[in-house]
Amino acid sequence: MPDMYATQALTQFVPLAAKELDENKVTPGVLGFLVFAALAVGVWLLMKSMNRHMGKVDFEEAPDPAAEPAGTDGKAEAAASGTAASGTAKAPGRS
């Protein structure tokens, strides 16, 4: 007998839903918003985790194999590039 009451209650709401349904207008609804919000929170947490992990990386750039070693005679090239022969950099616009 309780099943009959639930069925009657549901059948009363079916015509209301059919009248409000516009076949030319489709919206994602609450479920679509919840899925989008969950994806947004997931992406935010992943970005936060990635930022934390990238901060832990100790990166040291490898020397350029095409560059001449410091012991060779490259004074003319060093002067042209703005570095002194000892390997220290000059300030731009100053002698």
Protein backbone atom coordinates (compact mmCIF):
# COMPACT_ATOMS: atom_id res chain seq x y z
CA MET A 1 0.00 0.00 0.00
CA PRO A 2 2.80 2.53 0.69
CA ASP A 3 4.04 1.97 -2.88
CA MET A 4 0.80 3.30 -4.22
CA TYR A 5 1.19 6.60 -2.39
CA ALA A 6 4.69 7.15 -3.79
CA THR A 7 3.48 6.39 -7.31
CA GLN A 8 0.58 8.80 -6.98
CA ALA A 9 2.89 11.53 -5.69
CA LEU A 10 5.27 11.09 -8.62
CA THR A 11 2.53 11.02 -11.23
CA GLN A 12 1.23 14.35 -9.97
CA PHE A 13 4.60 16.02 -10.70
CA VAL A 14 5.04 14.63 -14.22
CA PRO A 15 2.56 17.02 -15.89
CA LEU A 16 4.15 20.00 -14.10
CA ALA A 17 7.57 19.10 -15.44
CA ALA A 18 6.23 18.56 -18.94
CA LYS A 19 4.60 22.02 -19.00
CA GLU A 20 7.78 23.79 -17.84
CA LEU A 21 10.07 21.97 -20.30
CA ASP A 22 11.02 24.10 -23.27
CA GLU A 23 12.52 21.89 -25.99
CA ASN A 24 14.42 24.85 -27.51
CA LYS A 25 16.19 25.73 -24.26
CA VAL A 26 18.63 23.31 -22.70
CA THR A 27 20.58 24.21 -19.56
CA PRO A 28 23.13 22.18 -17.59
CA GLY A 29 21.27 22.66 -14.32
CA VAL A 30 22.54 22.06 -10.82
CA LEU A 31 24.36 18.86 -11.71
CA GLY A 32 26.31 20.64 -14.43
CA PHE A 33 27.29 23.39 -12.00
CA LEU A 34 28.41 20.86 -9.39
CA VAL A 35 30.54 18.97 -11.92
CA PHE A 36 32.09 22.23 -13.16
CA ALA A 37 32.77 23.39 -9.58
CA ALA A 38 34.38 20.02 -8.74
CA LEU A 39 36.60 20.26 -11.82
CA ALA A 40 37.58 23.84 -10.94
CA VAL A 41 38.52 22.85 -7.38
CA GLY A 42 40.48 19.86 -8.70
CA VAL A 43 42.45 22.04 -11.14
CA TRP A 44 43.14 24.58 -8.40
CA LEU A 45 44.47 21.84 -6.09
CA LEU A 46 46.63 20.41 -8.89
CA MET A 47 48.09 23.84 -9.66
CA LYS A 48 48.82 24.41 -5.98
CA SER A 49 50.55 21.03 -5.73
CA MET A 50 52.53 21.65 -8.93
CA ASN A 51 53.68 25.04 -7.61
CA ARG A 52 54.84 23.42 -4.39
CA HIS A 53 56.74 20.69 -6.26
CA MET A 54 58.32 23.13 -8.71
CA GLY A 55 59.56 25.17 -5.75
CA LYS A 56 61.45 22.12 -4.48
CA VAL A 57 63.31 21.62 -7.78
CA ASP A 58 66.98 22.61 -7.58
CA PHE A 59 67.83 23.34 -11.19
CA GLU A 60 71.36 24.18 -12.22
CA GLU A 61 71.82 24.99 -15.88
CA ALA A 62 74.43 22.90 -17.69
CA PRO A 63 77.23 24.87 -19.32
CA ASP A 64 76.86 25.59 -23.03
CA PRO A 65 79.08 23.12 -24.93
CA ALA A 66 79.59 25.67 -27.74
CA ALA A 67 81.01 28.24 -25.31
CA GLU A 68 84.79 28.37 -24.92
CA PRO A 69 86.28 27.22 -21.62
CA ALA A 70 87.59 29.97 -19.30
CA GLY A 71 91.26 28.99 -19.85
CA THR A 72 91.35 29.62 -23.62
CA ASP A 73 92.31 32.83 -25.40
CA GLY A 74 88.92 34.47 -25.96
CA LYS A 75 89.67 38.00 -24.77
CA ALA A 76 88.40 39.69 -27.95
CA GLU A 77 85.14 37.77 -27.81
CA ALA A 78 84.79 38.40 -24.07
CA ALA A 79 85.30 42.15 -24.57
CA ALA A 80 82.71 42.19 -27.36
CA SER A 81 80.18 40.43 -25.20
CA GLY A 82 80.71 42.83 -22.27
CA THR A 83 82.63 40.53 -19.95
CA ALA A 84 86.14 41.09 -18.67
CA ALA A 85 88.93 38.61 -19.22
CA SER A 86 88.66 37.54 -15.58
CA GLY A 87 85.05 36.48 -16.12
CA THR A 88 83.34 39.32 -14.26
CA ALA A 89 80.62 41.24 -15.99
CA LYS A 90 80.80 44.99 -16.66
CA ALA A 91 77.85 47.22 -15.97
CA PRO A 92 76.16 48.36 -19.18
CA GLY A 93 77.20 51.87 -20.23
CA ARG A 94 80.20 51.99 -17.86
CA SER A 95 83.88 51.44 -18.59
